Amino acid sequence: PFPVSQGYPPSPAAETVPVETAVVPETAAAAAPPIAASPATVPAATVSPAATASPAAAGSPVDRPAATASPAAAGPATAVSPPVDRPAAVSPASTGPAVARPVEPSLSRPPSPFPAPTGRRPENGYVTDTGALLESGALVFSWNPVAGADAYMFTLFRETGSGERRPVVSFESPESSYTLEDLSLLDIGRFTWRVEAISRGAAGRRGTPGENLFTVDIPRPGMIRGQVPGVLYGR
């Protein structure tokens, strides 16, 4: 053993071996053709996908032959066509939801209403009494036909003291007249009758109603004539 203070004994100096370096002229190196490896003597190394993905180690002194890609990684050569200007395709989602367009109104106008029937009788303001009604036995309502109408709506109202109208008779008829035979529907007072020309076709054309007012009154009493009593006594 050697003392610690003195350290280890010095090792013998390594012998330095001189290396002779051969200098190749540049013209000779350029003129020498590259030596191609024969496929029969140097087979191509097959590199797995994992090996091809890792980068090559830098500074490796050994020249390795070119790695051949695996059949899964290698594919047929794809010809690249020159770029062609095409309009951008718009997907249905980018166009947005469909917007409902408002329905344009029809240009056809509805038919104009029929005019009010003329020649209405009893005329407006007519006055009759119960005696005349009982003698005639009926009350006749009439009017002139309206061109284009195929029916008429007739309504008889009774005017109340509060200004209301109570329907007494209402019906639809193709005739241009109506005879009221049930005189029990009438009473002393004021009445309004109304008639309207209509069309019962698909268009359902209506008309302007015409109205007349009449009054049923009590009969007026006549002159009272007494029988001649003869000679008066009792003066």
C-alpha atoms as a PDB file:
ATOM      1  CA  PRO A   1       0.000   0.000   0.000  1.00  0.00           C
ATOM      2  CA  PHE A   2       0.991   3.600  -0.727  1.00  0.00           C
ATOM      3  CA  PRO A   3       0.570   6.477   1.596  1.00  0.00           C
ATOM      4  CA  VAL A   4      -2.424   8.729   0.846  1.00  0.00           C
ATOM      5  CA  SER A   5      -0.326  11.832   0.932  1.00  0.00           C
ATOM      6  CA  GLN A   6       1.965  10.540  -1.748  1.00  0.00           C
ATOM      7  CA  GLY A   7      -0.893   9.541  -4.124  1.00  0.00           C
ATOM      8  CA  TYR A   8      -0.850   6.705  -6.509  1.00  0.00           C
ATOM      9  CA  PRO A   9       2.271   5.842  -8.395  1.00  0.00           C
ATOM     10  CA  PRO A  10       2.527   7.455 -11.781  1.00  0.00           C
ATOM     11  CA  SER A  11       1.425   5.276 -14.648  1.00  0.00           C
ATOM     12  CA  PRO A  12       3.820   4.662 -17.431  1.00  0.00           C
ATOM     13  CA  ALA A  13       3.355   7.011 -20.355  1.00  0.00           C
ATOM     14  CA  ALA A  14       1.345   5.550 -23.151  1.00  0.00           C
ATOM     15  CA  GLU A  15       3.256   4.965 -26.241  1.00  0.00           C
ATOM     16  CA  THR A  16       2.254   7.233 -29.074  1.00  0.00           C
ATOM     17  CA  VAL A  17       1.956   5.375 -32.334  1.00  0.00           C
ATOM     18  CA  PRO A  18       2.365   7.604 -35.323  1.00  0.00           C
ATOM     19  CA  VAL A  19      -0.382   7.220 -37.938  1.00  0.00           C
ATOM     20  CA  GLU A  20       0.477   7.719 -41.476  1.00  0.00           C
ATOM     21  CA  THR A  21      -2.239   9.495 -43.413  1.00  0.00           C
ATOM     22  CA  ALA A  22      -2.460   8.850 -47.084  1.00  0.00           C
ATOM     23  CA  VAL A  23      -3.215  11.983 -49.123  1.00  0.00           C
ATOM     24  CA  VAL A  24      -5.292  11.357 -52.211  1.00  0.00           C
ATOM     25  CA  PRO A  25      -5.066  13.928 -54.901  1.00  0.00           C
ATOM     26  CA  GLU A  26      -8.393  15.730 -55.682  1.00  0.00           C
ATOM     27  CA  THR A  27      -8.149  14.880 -59.344  1.00  0.00           C
ATOM     28  CA  ALA A  28      -7.836  11.212 -58.604  1.00  0.00           C
ATOM     29  CA  ALA A  29     -10.775  11.258 -56.155  1.00  0.00           C
ATOM     30  CA  ALA A  30     -12.987  13.069 -58.638  1.00  0.00           C
ATOM     31  CA  ALA A  31     -12.044  10.752 -61.465  1.00  0.00           C
ATOM     32  CA  ALA A  32     -12.777   7.588 -59.557  1.00  0.00           C
ATOM     33  CA  PRO A  33     -16.331   6.447 -60.309  1.00  0.00           C
ATOM     34  CA  PRO A  34     -18.622   5.618 -57.397  1.00  0.00           C
ATOM     35  CA  ILE A  35     -18.795   2.014 -56.474  1.00  0.00           C
ATOM     36  CA  ALA A  36     -22.376   0.785 -56.771  1.00  0.00           C
ATOM     37  CA  ALA A  37     -23.407  -1.965 -54.481  1.00  0.00           C
ATOM     38  CA  SER A  38     -24.532  -5.070 -56.282  1.00  0.00           C
ATOM     39  CA  PRO A  39     -28.073  -6.105 -55.329  1.00  0.00           C
ATOM     40  CA  ALA A  40     -26.909  -9.722 -55.241  1.00  0.00           C
ATOM     41  CA  THR A  41     -24.103  -9.095 -52.748  1.00  0.00           C
ATOM     42  CA  VAL A  42     -25.632  -6.315 -50.594  1.00  0.00           C
ATOM     43  CA  PRO A  43     -29.320  -6.896 -49.984  1.00  0.00           C
ATOM     44  CA  ALA A  44     -31.469  -3.896 -49.172  1.00  0.00           C
ATOM     45  CA  ALA A  45     -32.361  -3.703 -45.545  1.00  0.00           C
ATOM     46  CA  THR A  46     -36.055  -3.718 -44.755  1.00  0.00           C
ATOM     47  CA  VAL A  47     -36.944  -1.082 -42.192  1.00  0.00           C
ATOM     48  CA  SER A  48     -40.094  -1.369 -40.141  1.00  0.00           C
ATOM     49  CA  PRO A  49     -42.420   1.664 -39.877  1.00  0.00           C
ATOM     50  CA  ALA A  50     -41.169   2.325 -36.367  1.00  0.00           C
ATOM     51  CA  ALA A  51     -37.568   2.435 -37.608  1.00  0.00           C
ATOM     52  CA  THR A  52     -38.370   4.783 -40.480  1.00  0.00           C
ATOM     53  CA  ALA A  53     -40.164   7.167 -38.183  1.00  0.00           C
ATOM     54  CA  SER A  54     -37.128   7.653 -35.896  1.00  0.00           C
ATOM     55  CA  PRO A  55     -34.503  10.139 -37.122  1.00  0.00           C
ATOM     56  CA  ALA A  56     -31.081   8.848 -38.183  1.00  0.00           C
ATOM     57  CA  ALA A  57     -28.357   9.085 -35.578  1.00  0.00           C
ATOM     58  CA  ALA A  58     -26.071  12.014 -36.327  1.00  0.00           C
ATOM     59  CA  GLY A  59     -22.364  11.490 -36.597  1.00  0.00           C
ATOM     60  CA  SER A  60     -22.475   7.797 -37.356  1.00  0.00           C
ATOM     61  CA  PRO A  61     -19.211   6.736 -38.981  1.00  0.00           C
ATOM     62  CA  VAL A  62     -20.726   3.795 -40.748  1.00  0.00           C
ATOM     63  CA  ASP A  63     -22.401   4.319 -44.110  1.00  0.00           C
ATOM     64  CA  ARG A  64     -25.634   2.337 -44.231  1.00  0.00           C
ATOM     65  CA  PRO A  65     -27.433   1.425 -47.436  1.00  0.00           C
ATOM     66  CA  ALA A  66     -30.670   3.228 -48.229  1.00  0.00           C
ATOM     67  CA  ALA A  67     -33.605   1.872 -46.187  1.00  0.00           C
ATOM     68  CA  THR A  68     -36.442   0.323 -48.116  1.00  0.00           C
ATOM     69  CA  ALA A  69     -39.895   1.360 -46.879  1.00  0.00           C
ATOM     70  CA  SER A  70     -42.296  -1.346 -45.847  1.00  0.00           C
ATOM     71  CA  PRO A  71     -45.144  -2.263 -48.237  1.00  0.00           C
ATOM     72  CA  ALA A  72     -47.665  -0.706 -45.823  1.00  0.00           C
ATOM     73  CA  ALA A  73     -45.931   2.681 -45.884  1.00  0.00           C
ATOM     74  CA  ALA A  74     -45.037   2.690 -49.578  1.00  0.00           C
ATOM     75  CA  GLY A  75     -47.781   3.427 -52.068  1.00  0.00           C
ATOM     76  CA  PRO A  76     -48.092   3.959 -55.792  1.00  0.00           C
ATOM     77  CA  ALA A  77     -46.850   7.192 -57.169  1.00  0.00           C
ATOM     78  CA  THR A  78     -49.586   9.809 -57.414  1.00  0.00           C
ATOM     79  CA  ALA A  79     -49.552  12.209 -60.300  1.00  0.00           C
ATOM     80  CA  VAL A  80     -50.100  15.782 -59.154  1.00  0.00           C
ATOM     81  CA  SER A  81     -52.428  17.646 -61.466  1.00  0.00           C
ATOM     82  CA  PRO A  82     -52.031  21.375 -61.927  1.00  0.00           C
ATOM     83  CA  PRO A  83     -54.326  23.511 -59.756  1.00  0.00           C
ATOM     84  CA  VAL A  84     -57.668  24.304 -61.338  1.00  0.00           C
ATOM     85  CA  ASP A  85     -59.768  27.297 -60.319  1.00  0.00           C
ATOM     86  CA  ARG A  86     -63.105  25.956 -59.123  1.00  0.00           C
ATOM     87  CA  PRO A  87     -65.913  27.799 -57.341  1.00  0.00           C
ATOM     88  CA  ALA A  88     -66.021  27.171 -53.651  1.00  0.00           C
ATOM     89  CA  ALA A  89     -68.557  24.506 -52.757  1.00  0.00           C
ATOM     90  CA  VAL A  90     -71.203  25.695 -50.305  1.00  0.00           C
ATOM     91  CA  SER A  91     -72.488  23.115 -47.903  1.00  0.00           C
ATOM     92  CA  PRO A  92     -76.197  23.017 -47.070  1.00  0.00           C
ATOM     93  CA  ALA A  93     -75.418  23.952 -43.484  1.00  0.00           C
ATOM     94  CA  SER A  94     -73.760  27.228 -44.537  1.00  0.00           C
ATOM     95  CA  THR A  95     -76.775  28.370 -46.490  1.00  0.00           C
ATOM     96  CA  GLY A  96     -78.843  28.758 -43.320  1.00  0.00           C
ATOM     97  CA  PRO A  97     -82.431  27.713 -42.617  1.00  0.00           C
ATOM     98  CA  ALA A  98     -85.036  28.075 -45.315  1.00  0.00           C
ATOM     99  CA  VAL A  99     -86.956  31.327 -45.084  1.00  0.00           C
ATOM    100  CA  ALA A 100     -90.673  31.138 -45.833  1.00  0.00           C
ATOM    101  CA  ARG A 101     -91.724  33.657 -48.404  1.00  0.00           C
ATOM    102  CA  PRO A 102     -94.928  35.599 -47.762  1.00  0.00           C
ATOM    103  CA  VAL A 103     -97.841  34.531 -49.872  1.00  0.00           C
ATOM    104  CA  GLU A 104     -98.724  37.225 -52.321  1.00  0.00           C
ATOM    105  CA  PRO A 105    -102.356  38.293 -52.102  1.00  0.00           C
ATOM    106  CA  SER A 106    -104.591  37.330 -54.934  1.00  0.00           C
ATOM    107  CA  LEU A 107    -105.191  40.022 -57.491  1.00  0.00           C
ATOM    108  CA  SER A 108    -108.821  39.019 -57.905  1.00  0.00           C
ATOM    109  CA  ARG A 109    -111.220  41.268 -56.021  1.00  0.00           C
ATOM    110  CA  PRO A 110    -114.291  39.984 -54.205  1.00  0.00           C
ATOM    111  CA  PRO A 111    -117.557  40.583 -56.043  1.00  0.00           C
ATOM    112  CA  SER A 112    -119.366  43.778 -55.191  1.00  0.00           C
ATOM    113  CA  PRO A 113    -122.567  43.415 -53.122  1.00  0.00           C
ATOM    114  CA  PHE A 114    -125.974  43.434 -54.767  1.00  0.00           C
ATOM    115  CA  PRO A 115    -127.912  46.689 -54.546  1.00  0.00           C
ATOM    116  CA  ALA A 116    -130.902  46.956 -52.263  1.00  0.00           C
ATOM    117  CA  PRO A 117    -134.126  45.756 -53.917  1.00  0.00           C
ATOM    118  CA  THR A 118    -136.315  48.595 -55.105  1.00  0.00           C
ATOM    119  CA  GLY A 119    -140.130  48.898 -55.314  1.00  0.00           C
ATOM    120  CA  ARG A 120    -140.612  47.631 -51.791  1.00  0.00           C
ATOM    121  CA  ARG A 121    -144.242  47.409 -50.597  1.00  0.00           C
ATOM    122  CA  PRO A 122    -145.658  48.179 -48.089  1.00  0.00           C
ATOM    123  CA  GLU A 123    -143.704  51.406 -48.561  1.00  0.00           C
ATOM    124  CA  ASN A 124    -141.825  53.140 -45.801  1.00  0.00           C
ATOM    125  CA  GLY A 125    -144.211  54.846 -43.336  1.00  0.00           C
ATOM    126  CA  TYR A 126    -147.249  52.723 -44.223  1.00  0.00           C
ATOM    127  CA  VAL A 127    -150.048  52.684 -41.610  1.00  0.00           C
ATOM    128  CA  THR A 128    -152.762  50.068 -41.363  1.00  0.00           C
ATOM    129  CA  ASP A 129    -155.235  48.984 -38.706  1.00  0.00           C
ATOM    130  CA  THR A 130    -156.404  45.697 -37.329  1.00  0.00           C
ATOM    131  CA  GLY A 131    -159.768  46.028 -39.050  1.00  0.00           C
ATOM    132  CA  ALA A 132    -158.178  46.323 -42.491  1.00  0.00           C
ATOM    133  CA  LEU A 133    -155.904  43.386 -41.752  1.00  0.00           C
ATOM    134  CA  LEU A 134    -158.809  41.230 -40.629  1.00  0.00           C
ATOM    135  CA  GLU A 135    -160.754  42.213 -43.704  1.00  0.00           C
ATOM    136  CA  SER A 136    -157.905  41.410 -46.117  1.00  0.00           C
ATOM    137  CA  GLY A 137    -156.906  38.291 -44.214  1.00  0.00           C
ATOM    138  CA  ALA A 138    -153.169  38.713 -45.015  1.00  0.00           C
ATOM    139  CA  LEU A 139    -150.365  41.221 -45.474  1.00  0.00           C
ATOM    140  CA  VAL A 140    -148.384  41.039 -48.707  1.00  0.00           C
ATOM    141  CA  PHE A 141    -144.721  42.134 -48.987  1.00  0.00           C
ATOM    142  CA  SER A 142    -143.193  42.548 -52.462  1.00  0.00           C
ATOM    143  CA  TRP A 143    -140.088  44.027 -54.207  1.00  0.00           C
ATOM    144  CA  ASN A 144    -138.441  44.182 -57.605  1.00  0.00           C
ATOM    145  CA  PRO A 145    -136.053  41.355 -58.586  1.00  0.00           C
ATOM    146  CA  VAL A 146    -132.301  42.083 -58.520  1.00  0.00           C
ATOM    147  CA  ALA A 147    -130.187  41.025 -61.522  1.00  0.00           C
ATOM    148  CA  GLY A 148    -127.759  38.210 -60.659  1.00  0.00           C
ATOM    149  CA  ALA A 149    -129.449  37.267 -57.380  1.00  0.00           C
ATOM    150  CA  ASP A 150    -130.968  33.805 -57.022  1.00  0.00           C
ATOM    151  CA  ALA A 151    -132.490  34.209 -53.555  1.00  0.00           C
ATOM    152  CA  TYR A 152    -133.651  36.810 -51.038  1.00  0.00           C
ATOM    153  CA  MET A 153    -133.334  36.995 -47.261  1.00  0.00           C
ATOM    154  CA  PHE A 154    -136.538  38.352 -45.696  1.00  0.00           C
ATOM    155  CA  THR A 155    -136.787  39.419 -42.034  1.00  0.00           C
ATOM    156  CA  LEU A 156    -139.683  41.020 -40.140  1.00  0.00           C
ATOM    157  CA  PHE A 157    -138.840  42.841 -36.872  1.00  0.00           C
ATOM    158  CA  ARG A 158    -141.033  44.263 -34.135  1.00  0.00           C
ATOM    159  CA  GLU A 159    -139.813  47.564 -32.705  1.00  0.00           C
ATOM    160  CA  THR A 160    -139.912  47.660 -28.902  1.00  0.00           C
ATOM    161  CA  GLY A 161    -140.280  50.714 -26.721  1.00  0.00           C
ATOM    162  CA  SER A 162    -136.558  50.548 -25.763  1.00  0.00           C
ATOM    163  CA  GLY A 163    -135.455  50.749 -29.401  1.00  0.00           C
ATOM    164  CA  GLU A 164    -134.629  47.056 -29.757  1.00  0.00           C
ATOM    165  CA  ARG A 165    -135.649  44.856 -32.663  1.00  0.00           C
ATOM    166  CA  ARG A 166    -137.184  41.463 -32.080  1.00  0.00           C
ATOM    167  CA  PRO A 167    -137.309  39.166 -35.111  1.00  0.00           C
ATOM    168  CA  VAL A 168    -140.789  37.881 -35.876  1.00  0.00           C
ATOM    169  CA  VAL A 169    -140.217  36.124 -39.213  1.00  0.00           C
ATOM    170  CA  SER A 170    -136.938  35.300 -40.991  1.00  0.00           C
ATOM    171  CA  PHE A 171    -136.409  33.031 -43.997  1.00  0.00           C
ATOM    172  CA  GLU A 172    -134.709  32.665 -47.385  1.00  0.00           C
ATOM    173  CA  SER A 173    -136.719  32.370 -50.582  1.00  0.00           C
ATOM    174  CA  PRO A 174    -136.092  32.555 -54.346  1.00  0.00           C
ATOM    175  CA  GLU A 175    -139.338  34.531 -54.750  1.00  0.00           C
ATOM    176  CA  SER A 176    -139.578  38.331 -54.858  1.00  0.00           C
ATOM    177  CA  SER A 177    -142.660  38.470 -52.639  1.00  0.00           C
ATOM    178  CA  TYR A 178    -143.979  37.115 -49.351  1.00  0.00           C
ATOM    179  CA  THR A 179    -147.521  36.821 -48.002  1.00  0.00           C
ATOM    180  CA  LEU A 180    -147.957  36.850 -44.229  1.00  0.00           C
ATOM    181  CA  GLU A 181    -151.154  34.927 -43.485  1.00  0.00           C
ATOM    182  CA  ASP A 182    -150.664  34.358 -39.773  1.00  0.00           C
ATOM    183  CA  LEU A 183    -151.867  37.760 -38.581  1.00  0.00           C
ATOM    184  CA  SER A 184    -151.534  36.684 -34.969  1.00  0.00           C
ATOM    185  CA  LEU A 185    -147.828  37.529 -35.333  1.00  0.00           C
ATOM    186  CA  LEU A 186    -148.774  41.175 -35.715  1.00  0.00           C
ATOM    187  CA  ASP A 187    -149.960  43.436 -32.920  1.00  0.00           C
ATOM    188  CA  ILE A 188    -150.578  47.099 -32.436  1.00  0.00           C
ATOM    189  CA  GLY A 189    -147.246  48.840 -32.803  1.00  0.00           C
ATOM    190  CA  ARG A 190    -144.369  49.533 -35.178  1.00  0.00           C
ATOM    191  CA  PHE A 191    -142.708  46.958 -37.458  1.00  0.00           C
ATOM    192  CA  THR A 192    -139.692  46.973 -39.801  1.00  0.00           C
ATOM    193  CA  TRP A 193    -139.288  44.561 -42.656  1.00  0.00           C
ATOM    194  CA  ARG A 194    -136.008  44.029 -44.462  1.00  0.00           C
ATOM    195  CA  VAL A 195    -135.052  42.231 -47.668  1.00  0.00           C
ATOM    196  CA  GLU A 196    -131.574  41.433 -49.032  1.00  0.00           C
ATOM    197  CA  ALA A 197    -130.577  39.981 -52.406  1.00  0.00           C
ATOM    198  CA  ILE A 198    -128.040  37.118 -52.177  1.00  0.00           C
ATOM    199  CA  SER A 199    -126.352  34.506 -54.352  1.00  0.00           C
ATOM    200  CA  ARG A 200    -126.168  30.929 -53.084  1.00  0.00           C
ATOM    201  CA  GLY A 201    -123.280  29.971 -55.404  1.00  0.00           C
ATOM    202  CA  ALA A 202    -119.676  29.191 -54.430  1.00  0.00           C
ATOM    203  CA  ALA A 203    -118.821  32.889 -54.144  1.00  0.00           C
ATOM    204  CA  GLY A 204    -121.565  33.475 -51.561  1.00  0.00           C
ATOM    205  CA  ARG A 205    -122.312  36.985 -52.774  1.00  0.00           C
ATOM    206  CA  ARG A 206    -124.332  39.158 -50.422  1.00  0.00           C
ATOM    207  CA  GLY A 207    -126.259  42.355 -50.978  1.00  0.00           C
ATOM    208  CA  THR A 208    -127.193  45.658 -49.409  1.00  0.00           C
ATOM    209  CA  PRO A 209    -130.403  45.252 -47.374  1.00  0.00           C
ATOM    210  CA  GLY A 210    -133.375  47.512 -47.934  1.00  0.00           C
ATOM    211  CA  GLU A 211    -135.717  48.354 -45.043  1.00  0.00           C
ATOM    212  CA  ASN A 212    -139.223  49.805 -44.689  1.00  0.00           C
ATOM    213  CA  LEU A 213    -141.132  50.766 -41.567  1.00  0.00           C
ATOM    214  CA  PHE A 214    -144.908  50.354 -41.101  1.00  0.00           C
ATOM    215  CA  THR A 215    -147.373  50.735 -38.224  1.00  0.00           C
ATOM    216  CA  VAL A 216    -150.379  48.711 -37.134  1.00  0.00           C
ATOM    217  CA  ASP A 217    -152.971  50.859 -35.380  1.00  0.00           C
ATOM    218  CA  ILE A 218    -156.474  50.397 -33.909  1.00  0.00           C
ATOM    219  CA  PRO A 219    -159.421  51.212 -36.160  1.00  0.00           C
ATOM    220  CA  ARG A 220    -160.884  54.686 -35.897  1.00  0.00           C
ATOM    221  CA  PRO A 221    -164.468  54.832 -34.668  1.00  0.00           C
ATOM    222  CA  GLY A 222    -167.091  56.144 -37.135  1.00  0.00           C
ATOM    223  CA  MET A 223    -169.956  58.556 -36.525  1.00  0.00           C
ATOM    224  CA  ILE A 224    -172.517  57.213 -34.018  1.00  0.00           C
ATOM    225  CA  ARG A 225    -176.034  57.369 -35.311  1.00  0.00           C
ATOM    226  CA  GLY A 226    -178.921  56.644 -32.940  1.00  0.00           C
ATOM    227  CA  GLN A 227    -182.418  55.466 -33.783  1.00  0.00           C
ATOM    228  CA  VAL A 228    -185.137  58.170 -33.854  1.00  0.00           C
ATOM    229  CA  PRO A 229    -187.065  57.668 -30.614  1.00  0.00           C
ATOM    230  CA  GLY A 230    -190.156  59.460 -31.823  1.00  0.00           C
ATOM    231  CA  VAL A 231    -191.940  61.902 -29.646  1.00  0.00           C
ATOM    232  CA  LEU A 232    -190.040  62.859 -26.626  1.00  0.00           C
ATOM    233  CA  TYR A 233    -191.888  63.119 -23.392  1.00  0.00           C
ATOM    234  CA  GLY A 234    -190.900  64.453 -20.117  1.00  0.00           C
ATOM    235  CA  ARG A 235    -190.357  68.033 -20.873  1.00  0.00           C
END
